[in-house]
Amino acid sequence: MPRNGRLHVDGVGRDTFDASLASLRTRGHLVLFGAASGAVPPFDPIRLAQGGSLTLIRPSLGHFIADRSELLRRAADVLELVRTKALETTVTARYPLAEVAQAHRDLEARRTTGKLLVIP
């Protein structure tokens, strides 16, 4: 995702929310899609105005894939962004299928960044 101050995507939640919000420029957008560290506590929405007319969204995948055709269209859109390098992906580790338990332990211990691949 772009790191230009206009868009920040946060899958961590409680531990990173304040820094994510502070990283935005005027009219920036925060997409809070996860809560790996826990739920974000209630906050005063005036912070969005004080930060420069910021927006916050808490999307749920089910609201964006109403049926199979929408799922396929959106998946194709994402894959096209990856193909054209408009969306960067970083694979930082590859695990053979026999080591999938280790991949889970590494995720749980927060020893990873980027994407992990399990290779069959």
Protein backbone atom coordinates (compact mmCIF):
# COMPACT_ATOMS: atom_id res chain seq x y z
CA MET A 1 0.00 0.00 0.00
CA PRO A 2 1.16 3.54 -0.62
CA ARG A 3 3.05 5.15 2.22
CA ASN A 4 2.48 8.70 1.07
CA GLY A 5 0.41 9.81 4.02
CA ARG A 6 -2.84 9.51 2.09
CA LEU A 7 -3.57 5.86 2.86
CA HIS A 8 -2.55 3.59 5.69
CA VAL A 9 -3.72 0.00 6.07
CA ASP A 10 -3.56 -1.35 9.63
CA GLY A 11 -4.13 -5.00 10.46
CA VAL A 12 -2.69 -4.81 13.97
CA GLY A 13 -5.24 -2.67 15.80
CA ARG A 14 -4.81 -1.46 19.37
CA ASP A 15 -0.98 -1.28 19.46
CA THR A 16 -0.58 0.64 16.19
CA PHE A 17 -3.79 2.62 15.84
CA ASP A 18 -2.50 5.94 17.20
CA ALA A 19 0.67 5.82 15.08
CA SER A 20 -1.36 4.81 12.02
CA LEU A 21 -3.70 7.75 12.48
CA ALA A 22 -0.76 10.12 13.09
CA SER A 23 0.95 8.95 9.87
CA LEU A 24 -1.80 10.41 7.68
CA ARG A 25 -1.72 13.72 5.86
CA THR A 26 -4.73 15.96 5.34
CA ARG A 27 -7.66 14.00 3.85
CA GLY A 28 -5.82 10.73 4.45
CA HIS A 29 -7.58 7.41 4.85
CA LEU A 30 -7.02 4.75 7.51
CA VAL A 31 -8.23 1.25 6.70
CA LEU A 32 -8.41 -0.74 9.93
CA PHE A 33 -8.98 -4.34 8.88
CA GLY A 34 -7.57 -6.37 11.73
CA ALA A 35 -7.03 -6.53 15.44
CA ALA A 36 -3.98 -8.74 15.91
CA SER A 37 -3.05 -6.82 19.07
CA GLY A 38 -6.62 -6.35 20.23
CA ALA A 39 -9.52 -4.05 19.57
CA VAL A 40 -8.96 -0.31 19.28
CA PRO A 41 -10.46 1.38 22.33
CA PRO A 42 -13.20 3.95 21.80
CA PHE A 43 -11.84 7.31 20.68
CA ASP A 44 -13.19 10.79 20.08
CA PRO A 45 -14.05 11.22 16.37
CA ILE A 46 -12.95 14.86 16.61
CA ARG A 47 -9.43 13.43 16.21
CA LEU A 48 -10.30 12.80 12.56
CA ALA A 49 -11.05 16.49 12.01
CA GLN A 50 -8.03 17.60 14.01
CA GLY A 51 -5.81 15.36 11.89
CA GLY A 52 -6.98 17.08 8.71
CA SER A 53 -10.40 15.69 7.74
CA LEU A 54 -9.23 12.08 7.94
CA THR A 55 -11.42 9.10 7.21
CA LEU A 56 -11.49 5.76 8.99
CA ILE A 57 -13.07 2.59 7.67
CA ARG A 58 -13.39 -0.84 9.30
CA PRO A 59 -14.25 -3.06 6.32
CA SER A 60 -15.47 -6.62 6.44
CA LEU A 61 -14.77 -8.87 3.46
CA GLY A 62 -18.32 -10.18 3.36
CA HIS A 63 -19.62 -6.72 2.53
CA PHE A 64 -17.40 -6.56 -0.56
CA ILE A 65 -18.12 -9.98 -2.06
CA ALA A 66 -21.87 -10.31 -2.16
CA ASP A 67 -21.73 -13.23 -4.59
CA ARG A 68 -19.26 -15.39 -6.49
CA SER A 69 -19.11 -13.10 -9.53
CA GLU A 70 -18.10 -10.15 -7.35
CA LEU A 71 -15.49 -12.30 -5.59
CA LEU A 72 -13.98 -13.33 -8.94
CA ARG A 73 -14.00 -9.76 -10.27
CA ARG A 74 -12.34 -8.35 -7.17
CA ALA A 75 -9.76 -11.16 -7.08
CA ALA A 76 -8.92 -10.49 -10.74
CA ASP A 77 -8.54 -6.77 -9.95
CA VAL A 78 -6.08 -7.50 -7.12
CA LEU A 79 -4.09 -9.97 -9.20
CA GLU A 80 -3.86 -7.41 -12.01
CA LEU A 81 -2.49 -4.85 -9.55
CA VAL A 82 0.14 -7.37 -8.45
CA ARG A 83 0.98 -8.27 -12.06
CA THR A 84 1.52 -4.62 -13.02
CA LYS A 85 3.40 -3.97 -9.76
CA ALA A 86 0.88 -1.29 -8.77
CA LEU A 87 0.44 -3.34 -5.59
CA GLU A 88 3.68 -4.49 -4.05
CA THR A 89 3.91 -7.81 -2.27
CA THR A 90 6.86 -8.86 -0.15
CA VAL A 91 7.42 -12.55 0.47
CA THR A 92 9.81 -12.78 3.40
CA ALA A 93 9.72 -16.51 4.10
CA ARG A 94 8.86 -19.78 2.42
CA TYR A 95 8.02 -22.94 4.35
CA PRO A 96 7.70 -26.46 3.00
CA LEU A 97 4.29 -27.93 3.82
CA ALA A 98 5.98 -30.27 6.31
CA GLU A 99 7.03 -27.15 8.30
CA VAL A 100 3.65 -25.42 8.39
CA ALA A 101 3.58 -25.73 12.20
CA GLN A 102 6.80 -23.69 12.34
CA ALA A 103 5.25 -21.05 10.10
CA HIS A 104 2.37 -20.75 12.57
CA ARG A 105 4.76 -20.52 15.53
CA ASP A 106 6.74 -17.79 13.75
CA LEU A 107 3.54 -15.85 13.04
CA GLU A 108 2.30 -16.20 16.62
CA ALA A 109 5.68 -15.08 17.99
CA ARG A 110 5.70 -12.08 15.63
CA ARG A 111 9.00 -13.16 14.08
CA THR A 112 7.74 -12.41 10.58
CA THR A 113 6.98 -9.47 8.33
CA GLY A 114 5.55 -9.46 4.84
CA LYS A 115 3.97 -12.52 3.31
CA LEU A 116 4.72 -16.13 4.18
CA LEU A 117 4.30 -18.90 1.64
CA VAL A 118 3.67 -22.53 2.42
CA ILE A 119 4.92 -24.60 -0.49
CA PRO A 120 3.17 -27.95 -1.12
